[in-house]
Amino acid sequence: MQGLHLTADLYRCRCAPEWLTDAAGLGSRCREAVAAAGLQPVGELFHAFNPMGDAPAGVTATILLAESHLCVHTWPELGAVTLDVYVCNFGGDHSTKARTLMQALLALFDPEEARQHSLARGTPVATDTTNP
């Protein structure tokens, strides 16, 4: 069950405004980035939220991967995005593919500031063989 979980909080994104509001367009770009990274999509959902007042509404783009998932949430009124890329490494190490996918999304949104985190998931716990 070992894997790599990458997250990023993006601020003041300088991308084209439609990447923050167009669910179908963003979904298409996510599909392209997944394929370019060498990951295997097995399902997807791209959802545009209803605007509240004059502010544009954000979108959620999710691609279920054979290796795990990609999830993107946008806040166009803030120029902000959260990214979540998780790959399990069952059957092979997909960590490089996850990093490639994250870099493609960072390039798409072009944030002034990105706070990135990396978490090794399911790291084996040392077993104490002296105390069963």
N, C-alpha and C. Protein backbone atom coordinates (compact mmCIF):
# COMPACT_ATOMS: atom_id res chain seq x y z
N MET A 1 0.80 -1.21 0.00
CA MET A 1 0.00 0.00 0.00
C MET A 1 0.84 1.26 0.00
N GLN A 2 2.10 1.14 -0.28
CA GLN A 2 2.96 2.33 -0.30
C GLN A 2 2.59 3.23 -1.46
N GLY A 3 2.71 4.53 -1.24
CA GLY A 3 2.41 5.48 -2.31
C GLY A 3 2.98 6.84 -2.01
N LEU A 4 2.69 7.77 -2.92
CA LEU A 4 3.14 9.15 -2.79
C LEU A 4 1.94 10.06 -2.94
N HIS A 5 1.75 10.95 -1.99
CA HIS A 5 0.63 11.90 -2.00
C HIS A 5 1.22 13.31 -2.09
N LEU A 6 0.95 13.97 -3.21
CA LEU A 6 1.43 15.33 -3.43
C LEU A 6 0.25 16.29 -3.35
N THR A 7 0.42 17.39 -2.65
CA THR A 7 -0.60 18.43 -2.62
C THR A 7 0.06 19.78 -2.88
N ALA A 8 -0.75 20.70 -3.39
CA ALA A 8 -0.26 22.06 -3.60
C ALA A 8 -1.42 23.02 -3.44
N ASP A 9 -1.17 24.10 -2.73
CA ASP A 9 -2.11 25.21 -2.61
C ASP A 9 -1.53 26.36 -3.43
N LEU A 10 -2.27 26.79 -4.44
CA LEU A 10 -1.78 27.79 -5.38
C LEU A 10 -2.48 29.12 -5.15
N TYR A 11 -1.71 30.19 -5.15
CA TYR A 11 -2.25 31.53 -4.87
C TYR A 11 -1.90 32.48 -6.02
N ARG A 12 -2.83 33.38 -6.30
CA ARG A 12 -2.66 34.41 -7.33
C ARG A 12 -2.22 33.79 -8.66
N CYS A 13 -3.04 32.85 -9.12
CA CYS A 13 -2.75 32.16 -10.38
C CYS A 13 -2.86 33.13 -11.55
N ARG A 14 -1.87 33.06 -12.43
CA ARG A 14 -1.79 33.97 -13.58
C ARG A 14 -2.24 33.30 -14.87
N CYS A 15 -2.93 32.19 -14.76
CA CYS A 15 -3.40 31.43 -15.93
C CYS A 15 -4.56 32.16 -16.61
N ALA A 16 -4.93 31.66 -17.78
CA ALA A 16 -6.13 32.17 -18.45
C ALA A 16 -7.33 31.93 -17.52
N PRO A 17 -8.23 32.90 -17.40
CA PRO A 17 -9.35 32.78 -16.46
C PRO A 17 -10.21 31.53 -16.64
N GLU A 18 -10.31 31.04 -17.88
CA GLU A 18 -11.17 29.87 -18.11
C GLU A 18 -10.67 28.61 -17.42
N TRP A 19 -9.37 28.53 -17.10
CA TRP A 19 -8.88 27.34 -16.40
C TRP A 19 -9.44 27.26 -14.99
N LEU A 20 -9.96 28.38 -14.48
CA LEU A 20 -10.53 28.41 -13.13
C LEU A 20 -12.05 28.25 -13.13
N THR A 21 -12.69 28.34 -14.31
CA THR A 21 -14.16 28.35 -14.36
C THR A 21 -14.79 27.36 -15.34
N ASP A 22 -14.04 26.87 -16.30
CA ASP A 22 -14.58 26.01 -17.35
C ASP A 22 -14.28 24.55 -17.02
N ALA A 23 -15.28 23.84 -16.51
CA ALA A 23 -15.07 22.46 -16.07
C ALA A 23 -14.65 21.56 -17.23
N ALA A 24 -15.30 21.68 -18.37
CA ALA A 24 -14.97 20.82 -19.51
C ALA A 24 -13.57 21.11 -20.02
N GLY A 25 -13.22 22.38 -20.14
CA GLY A 25 -11.88 22.75 -20.61
C GLY A 25 -10.80 22.29 -19.66
N LEU A 26 -11.02 22.52 -18.36
CA LEU A 26 -10.04 22.09 -17.37
C LEU A 26 -9.94 20.57 -17.37
N GLY A 27 -11.07 19.89 -17.50
CA GLY A 27 -11.06 18.43 -17.54
C GLY A 27 -10.23 17.91 -18.70
N SER A 28 -10.37 18.55 -19.85
CA SER A 28 -9.60 18.15 -21.02
C SER A 28 -8.10 18.31 -20.77
N ARG A 29 -7.71 19.44 -20.18
CA ARG A 29 -6.29 19.67 -19.87
C ARG A 29 -5.77 18.66 -18.84
N CYS A 30 -6.62 18.32 -17.87
CA CYS A 30 -6.22 17.33 -16.87
C CYS A 30 -6.01 15.97 -17.53
N ARG A 31 -6.92 15.58 -18.43
CA ARG A 31 -6.77 14.32 -19.17
C ARG A 31 -5.45 14.28 -19.92
N GLU A 32 -5.14 15.39 -20.61
CA GLU A 32 -3.88 15.48 -21.37
C GLU A 32 -2.67 15.34 -20.45
N ALA A 33 -2.72 16.01 -19.30
CA ALA A 33 -1.59 15.96 -18.36
C ALA A 33 -1.42 14.56 -17.79
N VAL A 34 -2.52 13.89 -17.48
CA VAL A 34 -2.48 12.51 -16.97
C VAL A 34 -1.83 11.59 -18.01
N ALA A 35 -2.27 11.72 -19.26
CA ALA A 35 -1.72 10.88 -20.33
C ALA A 35 -0.23 11.17 -20.54
N ALA A 36 0.15 12.45 -20.54
CA ALA A 36 1.55 12.82 -20.74
C ALA A 36 2.44 12.30 -19.62
N ALA A 37 1.89 12.18 -18.42
CA ALA A 37 2.65 11.67 -17.28
C ALA A 37 2.76 10.15 -17.30
N GLY A 38 1.98 9.50 -18.16
CA GLY A 38 2.03 8.05 -18.25
C GLY A 38 1.15 7.34 -17.25
N LEU A 39 0.14 8.05 -16.72
CA LEU A 39 -0.79 7.44 -15.77
C LEU A 39 -2.04 6.98 -16.50
N GLN A 40 -2.81 6.09 -15.86
CA GLN A 40 -3.94 5.43 -16.49
C GLN A 40 -5.27 5.89 -15.92
N PRO A 41 -6.05 6.71 -16.65
CA PRO A 41 -7.37 7.11 -16.15
C PRO A 41 -8.37 5.96 -16.25
N VAL A 42 -9.21 5.83 -15.23
CA VAL A 42 -10.27 4.81 -15.25
C VAL A 42 -11.65 5.41 -15.01
N GLY A 43 -11.70 6.70 -14.68
CA GLY A 43 -12.97 7.39 -14.47
C GLY A 43 -12.70 8.88 -14.29
N GLU A 44 -13.77 9.68 -14.41
CA GLU A 44 -13.58 11.13 -14.28
C GLU A 44 -14.89 11.81 -13.94
N LEU A 45 -14.78 12.98 -13.33
CA LEU A 45 -15.93 13.85 -13.07
C LEU A 45 -15.43 15.28 -13.06
N PHE A 46 -16.07 16.13 -13.86
CA PHE A 46 -15.72 17.54 -13.93
C PHE A 46 -16.99 18.31 -13.63
N HIS A 47 -16.96 19.13 -12.58
CA HIS A 47 -18.16 19.80 -12.10
C HIS A 47 -17.95 21.31 -11.99
N ALA A 48 -18.86 22.08 -12.57
CA ALA A 48 -18.84 23.55 -12.43
C ALA A 48 -19.89 23.93 -11.40
N PHE A 49 -19.51 24.75 -10.45
CA PHE A 49 -20.45 25.21 -9.43
C PHE A 49 -21.24 26.39 -9.95
N ASN A 50 -22.41 26.62 -9.38
CA ASN A 50 -23.26 27.75 -9.78
C ASN A 50 -22.72 29.03 -9.17
N PRO A 51 -22.66 30.10 -9.99
CA PRO A 51 -22.19 31.39 -9.47
C PRO A 51 -23.12 31.91 -8.37
N MET A 52 -22.53 32.61 -7.43
CA MET A 52 -23.31 33.26 -6.37
C MET A 52 -23.09 34.76 -6.53
N GLY A 53 -24.12 35.44 -7.00
CA GLY A 53 -23.99 36.87 -7.24
C GLY A 53 -23.15 37.11 -8.48
N ASP A 54 -22.31 38.12 -8.41
CA ASP A 54 -21.48 38.50 -9.56
C ASP A 54 -20.16 37.75 -9.65
N ALA A 55 -19.80 37.04 -8.59
CA ALA A 55 -18.51 36.35 -8.57
C ALA A 55 -18.57 35.08 -9.42
N PRO A 56 -17.53 34.81 -10.18
CA PRO A 56 -17.51 33.57 -10.96
C PRO A 56 -17.40 32.37 -10.02
N ALA A 57 -17.92 31.24 -10.47
CA ALA A 57 -17.89 30.03 -9.63
C ALA A 57 -16.73 29.14 -10.06
N GLY A 58 -16.25 28.39 -9.13
CA GLY A 58 -15.13 27.49 -9.38
C GLY A 58 -15.57 26.15 -9.92
N VAL A 59 -14.60 25.28 -10.11
CA VAL A 59 -14.83 23.95 -10.62
C VAL A 59 -14.05 22.93 -9.80
N THR A 60 -14.51 21.70 -9.89
CA THR A 60 -13.77 20.56 -9.35
C THR A 60 -13.55 19.60 -10.50
N ALA A 61 -12.33 19.18 -10.68
CA ALA A 61 -11.97 18.20 -11.70
C ALA A 61 -11.32 17.02 -11.01
N THR A 62 -11.89 15.85 -11.20
CA THR A 62 -11.37 14.65 -10.58
C THR A 62 -11.17 13.57 -11.63
N ILE A 63 -10.00 12.98 -11.64
CA ILE A 63 -9.75 11.83 -12.50
C ILE A 63 -9.32 10.68 -11.60
N LEU A 64 -10.08 9.62 -11.66
CA LEU A 64 -9.73 8.40 -10.95
C LEU A 64 -8.70 7.67 -11.79
N LEU A 65 -7.60 7.33 -11.18
CA LEU A 65 -6.50 6.67 -11.88
C LEU A 65 -6.39 5.21 -11.44
N ALA A 66 -5.92 4.37 -12.32
CA ALA A 66 -5.62 3.00 -11.91
C ALA A 66 -4.63 3.04 -10.75
N GLU A 67 -3.77 4.07 -10.76
CA GLU A 67 -2.75 4.23 -9.71
C GLU A 67 -3.29 4.97 -8.49
N SER A 68 -4.40 5.70 -8.57
CA SER A 68 -5.12 6.36 -7.48
C SER A 68 -5.95 7.53 -7.99
N HIS A 69 -5.50 8.81 -7.81
CA HIS A 69 -6.37 9.90 -8.25
C HIS A 69 -5.65 11.24 -8.44
N LEU A 70 -6.34 12.10 -9.19
CA LEU A 70 -6.00 13.52 -9.35
C LEU A 70 -7.25 14.30 -8.99
N CYS A 71 -7.10 15.35 -8.21
CA CYS A 71 -8.24 16.21 -7.88
C CYS A 71 -7.79 17.67 -7.90
N VAL A 72 -8.57 18.51 -8.59
CA VAL A 72 -8.29 19.94 -8.71
C VAL A 72 -9.53 20.71 -8.27
N HIS A 73 -9.35 21.69 -7.41
CA HIS A 73 -10.44 22.57 -6.98
C HIS A 73 -10.02 24.01 -7.24
N THR A 74 -10.91 24.81 -7.84
CA THR A 74 -10.55 26.19 -8.16
C THR A 74 -11.45 27.18 -7.43
N TRP A 75 -10.88 28.33 -7.11
CA TRP A 75 -11.58 29.47 -6.53
C TRP A 75 -11.24 30.69 -7.37
N PRO A 76 -11.98 30.93 -8.46
CA PRO A 76 -11.63 32.02 -9.37
C PRO A 76 -11.69 33.39 -8.72
N GLU A 77 -12.58 33.56 -7.76
CA GLU A 77 -12.69 34.86 -7.09
C GLU A 77 -11.44 35.18 -6.28
N LEU A 78 -10.66 34.16 -5.96
CA LEU A 78 -9.41 34.34 -5.21
C LEU A 78 -8.17 34.11 -6.08
N GLY A 79 -8.39 33.61 -7.30
CA GLY A 79 -7.25 33.22 -8.14
C GLY A 79 -6.49 32.07 -7.51
N ALA A 80 -7.22 31.17 -6.83
CA ALA A 80 -6.59 30.10 -6.06
C ALA A 80 -7.02 28.73 -6.57
N VAL A 81 -6.14 27.75 -6.33
CA VAL A 81 -6.37 26.37 -6.75
C VAL A 81 -5.75 25.46 -5.71
N THR A 82 -6.40 24.32 -5.46
CA THR A 82 -5.76 23.27 -4.69
C THR A 82 -5.61 22.05 -5.59
N LEU A 83 -4.46 21.40 -5.48
CA LEU A 83 -4.15 20.22 -6.29
C LEU A 83 -3.86 19.05 -5.36
N ASP A 84 -4.28 17.88 -5.80
CA ASP A 84 -4.09 16.66 -5.03
C ASP A 84 -3.76 15.55 -6.03
N VAL A 85 -2.56 15.01 -5.94
CA VAL A 85 -2.14 13.90 -6.80
C VAL A 85 -1.67 12.79 -5.88
N TYR A 86 -2.31 11.64 -6.00
CA TYR A 86 -1.93 10.50 -5.17
C TYR A 86 -1.72 9.29 -6.07
N VAL A 87 -0.62 8.62 -5.90
CA VAL A 87 -0.37 7.36 -6.59
C VAL A 87 0.06 6.31 -5.58
N CYS A 88 -0.53 5.13 -5.71
CA CYS A 88 -0.02 4.01 -4.93
C CYS A 88 1.03 3.33 -5.79
N ASN A 89 1.98 2.75 -5.15
CA ASN A 89 3.10 2.17 -5.87
C ASN A 89 3.03 0.65 -5.94
N PHE A 90 1.83 0.14 -5.94
CA PHE A 90 1.63 -1.29 -6.11
C PHE A 90 1.97 -1.66 -7.55
N GLY A 91 2.82 -2.64 -7.73
CA GLY A 91 3.17 -3.08 -9.07
C GLY A 91 4.25 -2.23 -9.73
N GLY A 92 4.74 -1.21 -9.06
CA GLY A 92 5.78 -0.36 -9.62
C GLY A 92 5.77 1.00 -8.95
N ASP A 93 6.87 1.69 -9.05
CA ASP A 93 6.99 3.02 -8.44
C ASP A 93 6.49 4.08 -9.43
N HIS A 94 5.37 4.71 -9.11
CA HIS A 94 4.75 5.73 -9.95
C HIS A 94 5.07 7.15 -9.48
N SER A 95 6.01 7.28 -8.57
CA SER A 95 6.32 8.59 -7.97
C SER A 95 6.76 9.62 -9.00
N THR A 96 7.59 9.23 -9.94
CA THR A 96 8.05 10.17 -10.98
C THR A 96 6.88 10.64 -11.82
N LYS A 97 5.96 9.75 -12.12
CA LYS A 97 4.77 10.11 -12.90
C LYS A 97 3.91 11.11 -12.11
N ALA A 98 3.78 10.90 -10.81
CA ALA A 98 3.01 11.83 -9.98
C ALA A 98 3.66 13.21 -9.98
N ARG A 99 4.97 13.26 -9.86
CA ARG A 99 5.69 14.54 -9.86
C ARG A 99 5.56 15.23 -11.23
N THR A 100 5.61 14.45 -12.30
CA THR A 100 5.44 15.01 -13.65
C THR A 100 4.05 15.62 -13.80
N LEU A 101 3.03 14.92 -13.33
CA LEU A 101 1.66 15.43 -13.39
C LEU A 101 1.54 16.72 -12.58
N MET A 102 2.09 16.74 -11.38
CA MET A 102 2.01 17.95 -10.55
C MET A 102 2.69 19.12 -11.24
N GLN A 103 3.86 18.90 -11.83
CA GLN A 103 4.58 19.98 -12.51
C GLN A 103 3.79 20.53 -13.70
N ALA A 104 3.10 19.66 -14.42
CA ALA A 104 2.28 20.11 -15.56
C ALA A 104 1.14 20.99 -15.08
N LEU A 105 0.53 20.64 -13.96
CA LEU A 105 -0.57 21.44 -13.44
C LEU A 105 -0.07 22.77 -12.87
N LEU A 106 1.08 22.75 -12.22
CA LEU A 106 1.66 24.00 -11.74
C LEU A 106 1.94 24.94 -12.91
N ALA A 107 2.44 24.39 -14.00
CA ALA A 107 2.71 25.21 -15.19
C ALA A 107 1.41 25.76 -15.78
N LEU A 108 0.36 24.97 -15.78
CA LEU A 108 -0.93 25.42 -16.32
C LEU A 108 -1.47 26.62 -15.54
N PHE A 109 -1.45 26.53 -14.21
CA PHE A 109 -2.05 27.58 -13.38
C PHE A 109 -1.11 28.76 -13.13
N ASP A 110 0.18 28.56 -13.24
CA ASP A 110 1.17 29.63 -13.13
C ASP A 110 0.95 30.51 -11.90
N PRO A 111 1.02 29.91 -10.71
CA PRO A 111 0.77 30.69 -9.49
C PRO A 111 1.95 31.59 -9.13
N GLU A 112 1.65 32.72 -8.50
CA GLU A 112 2.72 33.55 -7.93
C GLU A 112 3.32 32.84 -6.72
N GLU A 113 2.49 32.09 -6.02
CA GLU A 113 2.96 31.36 -4.83
C GLU A 113 2.34 29.98 -4.84
N ALA A 114 3.16 28.98 -4.52
CA ALA A 114 2.68 27.60 -4.42
C ALA A 114 3.24 26.99 -3.14
N ARG A 115 2.37 26.46 -2.34
CA ARG A 115 2.79 25.75 -1.13
C ARG A 115 2.58 24.27 -1.39
N GLN A 116 3.69 23.55 -1.54
CA GLN A 116 3.64 22.15 -1.91
C GLN A 116 4.03 21.25 -0.75
N HIS A 117 3.37 20.09 -0.72
CA HIS A 117 3.67 19.10 0.31
C HIS A 117 3.76 17.72 -0.34
N SER A 118 4.60 16.89 0.23
CA SER A 118 4.78 15.53 -0.24
C SER A 118 4.71 14.60 0.96
N LEU A 119 3.92 13.56 0.83
CA LEU A 119 3.73 12.62 1.94
C LEU A 119 3.90 11.20 1.43
N ALA A 120 4.84 10.48 2.03
CA ALA A 120 4.99 9.06 1.73
C ALA A 120 3.88 8.33 2.48
N ARG A 121 3.02 7.65 1.74
CA ARG A 121 1.88 6.95 2.35
C ARG A 121 2.21 5.47 2.52
N GLY A 122 1.73 4.90 3.60
CA GLY A 122 1.86 3.46 3.81
C GLY A 122 3.28 2.98 4.00
N THR A 123 4.14 3.86 4.51
CA THR A 123 5.52 3.46 4.76
C THR A 123 5.52 2.33 5.79
N PRO A 124 6.23 1.26 5.50
CA PRO A 124 6.23 0.13 6.44
C PRO A 124 6.69 0.54 7.83
N VAL A 125 6.04 -0.02 8.81
CA VAL A 125 6.39 0.22 10.21
C VAL A 125 7.33 -0.90 10.64
N ALA A 126 8.41 -0.52 11.31
CA ALA A 126 9.36 -1.52 11.79
C ALA A 126 8.63 -2.45 12.76
N THR A 127 8.85 -3.73 12.60
CA THR A 127 8.21 -4.71 13.46
C THR A 127 9.18 -5.10 14.58
N ASP A 128 8.67 -5.07 15.80
CA ASP A 128 9.46 -5.49 16.94
C ASP A 128 9.33 -7.01 17.08
N THR A 129 10.35 -7.73 16.66
CA THR A 129 10.29 -9.21 16.69
C THR A 129 10.59 -9.77 18.08
N THR A 130 11.04 -8.92 19.02
CA THR A 130 11.33 -9.40 20.35
C THR A 130 10.10 -9.37 21.26
N ASN A 131 9.06 -8.66 20.84
CA ASN A 131 7.88 -8.51 21.70
C ASN A 131 6.62 -8.73 20.84
N PRO A 132 6.23 -9.99 20.63
CA PRO A 132 5.10 -10.27 19.74
C PRO A 132 3.80 -9.78 20.22
